[in-house]
Protein backbone atom coordinates (compact mmCIF):
# COMPACT_ATOMS: atom_id res chain seq x y z
CA MET A 1 74.19 -22.32 125.95
CA ARG A 2 71.78 -25.10 126.89
CA GLU A 3 72.85 -27.60 129.54
CA TYR A 4 72.38 -31.28 128.70
CA SER A 5 71.65 -34.17 131.02
CA VAL A 6 73.33 -37.55 130.68
CA PHE A 7 70.05 -38.83 129.18
CA ASP A 8 70.25 -36.28 126.36
CA ILE A 9 73.79 -37.33 125.56
CA LEU A 10 73.10 -41.07 125.59
CA GLY A 11 70.13 -40.66 123.30
CA PRO A 12 66.61 -42.04 123.34
CA ILE A 13 65.47 -45.65 123.28
CA MET A 14 64.00 -45.95 119.81
CA ILE A 15 63.49 -47.76 116.56
CA GLY A 16 66.26 -46.30 114.36
CA PRO A 17 68.08 -45.26 112.41
CA SER A 18 68.18 -41.62 113.54
CA SER A 19 67.38 -39.93 116.83
CA SER A 20 66.36 -36.68 115.13
CA HIS A 21 64.75 -38.10 111.99
CA THR A 22 63.06 -41.11 113.59
CA ALA A 23 62.67 -40.73 117.37
CA GLY A 24 62.12 -36.98 117.17
CA ALA A 25 59.71 -37.39 114.28
CA ALA A 26 57.69 -40.01 116.20
CA ARG A 27 57.53 -37.67 119.18
CA LEU A 28 56.38 -34.80 116.92
CA GLY A 29 53.60 -36.96 115.49
CA LYS A 30 52.51 -38.07 118.95
CA GLU A 31 52.47 -34.53 120.36
CA ALA A 32 50.42 -33.43 117.36
CA ARG A 33 47.95 -36.24 118.12
CA ASN A 34 47.78 -35.04 121.74
CA ILE A 35 46.83 -31.59 120.44
CA VAL A 36 44.45 -32.73 117.69
CA GLY A 37 42.87 -35.80 119.26
CA ASP A 38 42.32 -39.16 117.60
CA ASP A 39 39.32 -38.29 115.41
CA PHE A 40 41.05 -37.54 112.11
CA LYS A 41 40.81 -39.00 108.63
CA ALA A 42 43.81 -37.49 106.85
CA ILE A 43 47.19 -35.90 107.52
CA LYS A 44 49.36 -33.83 105.20
CA PHE A 45 52.99 -33.59 106.28
CA TYR A 46 54.86 -30.59 104.84
CA LEU A 47 58.52 -31.55 105.28
CA HIS A 48 61.19 -28.86 105.46
CA GLY A 49 64.96 -28.96 105.00
CA SER A 50 66.66 -32.19 105.97
CA PHE A 51 63.30 -33.82 106.67
CA ALA A 52 62.30 -33.14 103.06
CA GLU A 53 65.56 -34.49 101.67
CA THR A 54 65.83 -37.76 103.59
CA TYR A 55 62.38 -38.62 104.95
CA LYS A 56 62.11 -42.03 103.27
CA GLY A 57 65.68 -43.16 103.90
CA HIS A 58 65.71 -42.21 107.57
CA GLY A 59 62.19 -43.44 108.29
CA THR A 60 60.85 -39.97 109.06
CA ASP A 61 57.68 -40.75 107.10
CA ARG A 62 56.93 -43.91 109.11
CA ALA A 63 57.90 -42.24 112.38
CA LEU A 64 55.64 -39.19 111.91
CA VAL A 65 52.69 -41.43 111.06
CA ALA A 66 53.47 -43.81 113.93
CA GLY A 67 53.44 -40.94 116.39
CA ALA A 68 50.19 -39.61 114.94
CA LEU A 69 48.74 -43.09 115.50
CA GLY A 70 49.80 -42.89 119.16
CA MET A 71 52.98 -45.00 119.02
CA GLU A 72 56.13 -44.31 121.02
CA PRO A 73 59.55 -44.06 119.31
CA ASP A 74 60.48 -47.57 120.51
CA ASP A 75 57.29 -49.31 119.32
CA GLU A 76 58.10 -52.25 117.02
CA LYS A 77 54.99 -51.42 114.95
CA LEU A 78 56.59 -48.10 113.94
CA ARG A 79 58.15 -49.79 110.91
CA ASP A 80 54.66 -50.68 109.61
CA ALA A 81 52.93 -47.39 110.47
CA LEU A 82 52.15 -46.45 106.86
CA ASN A 83 50.29 -49.74 106.32
CA ILE A 84 48.51 -49.43 109.66
CA ALA A 85 47.28 -45.94 108.73
CA LYS A 86 46.07 -47.27 105.37
CA GLU A 87 44.21 -50.13 107.10
CA LYS A 88 42.53 -47.57 109.38
CA GLY A 89 41.44 -45.55 106.33
CA ILE A 90 43.64 -42.55 107.17
CA ASP A 91 44.90 -40.71 104.07
CA ILE A 92 48.56 -39.73 104.36
CA GLU A 93 50.47 -37.32 102.12
CA PHE A 94 54.08 -36.12 102.29
CA ILE A 95 54.94 -32.81 100.63
CA PRO A 96 58.55 -31.59 100.56
CA THR A 97 58.45 -27.81 100.96
CA ASP A 98 60.37 -24.75 102.09
CA LEU A 99 58.95 -23.38 105.33
CA GLY A 100 61.43 -20.49 105.41
CA GLU A 101 65.01 -19.80 106.37
CA ASP A 102 64.07 -19.15 109.99
CA LYS A 103 62.92 -22.76 110.49
CA HIS A 104 65.10 -25.57 111.84
CA PRO A 105 66.09 -28.04 109.06
CA ASN A 106 64.08 -30.81 110.76
CA THR A 107 60.73 -29.03 110.76
CA VAL A 108 57.35 -30.36 109.73
CA LYS A 109 53.97 -28.69 109.32
CA MET A 110 51.22 -31.24 109.92
CA ILE A 111 47.68 -30.54 108.79
CA PHE A 112 45.16 -32.97 110.24
CA THR A 113 41.74 -33.23 108.64
CA LYS A 114 39.32 -34.21 111.35
CA ASN A 115 36.33 -36.48 110.78
CA ASP A 116 34.02 -33.44 110.74
CA GLY A 117 36.08 -31.87 107.91
CA SER A 118 37.79 -29.21 110.03
CA GLU A 119 41.56 -28.83 109.83
CA VAL A 120 44.11 -28.43 112.60
CA GLU A 121 47.69 -27.36 111.90
CA VAL A 122 50.64 -28.27 114.11
CA LEU A 123 54.19 -27.04 113.43
CA GLY A 124 57.18 -28.63 115.11
CA SER A 125 60.89 -29.32 114.87
CA SER A 126 63.10 -32.23 115.85
CA ILE A 127 66.13 -30.52 117.36
CA GLY A 128 68.41 -33.51 117.95
CA GLY A 129 68.71 -36.46 120.27
CA GLY A 130 64.98 -37.17 120.03
CA ASN A 131 64.15 -33.75 121.49
CA ILE A 132 61.41 -31.68 119.88
CA GLN A 133 59.83 -28.24 119.89
CA ILE A 134 56.22 -27.48 119.03
CA LEU A 135 56.23 -24.02 117.45
């Protein structure tokens, strides 16, 4: 069994409402940006399980985009990330999907279309308390 630090138990500093659906999602988006770079014109988010069921209500959509734009989970601009992406000319699409029974319920497949037309795929899960795994 995994050991937890006091910081895991207390939870992350974040814009809410959910550490796994908001803070974790923002961290997933930001790690994807670190992998892909900042030269992209579109992102498709394939949302699995709980992410697919509650992404609008828990702010997962805004958080994923905020992270992809380089924001931290506690950035006040996170709430307006969808509009910021639109202003930057970045096309965003959310697609509820089934990524398979072996995937964590808070998993997202992100496909970034770079400015040169190439695509980069990043798969990750928010595993609770703002913690993430890139798969």
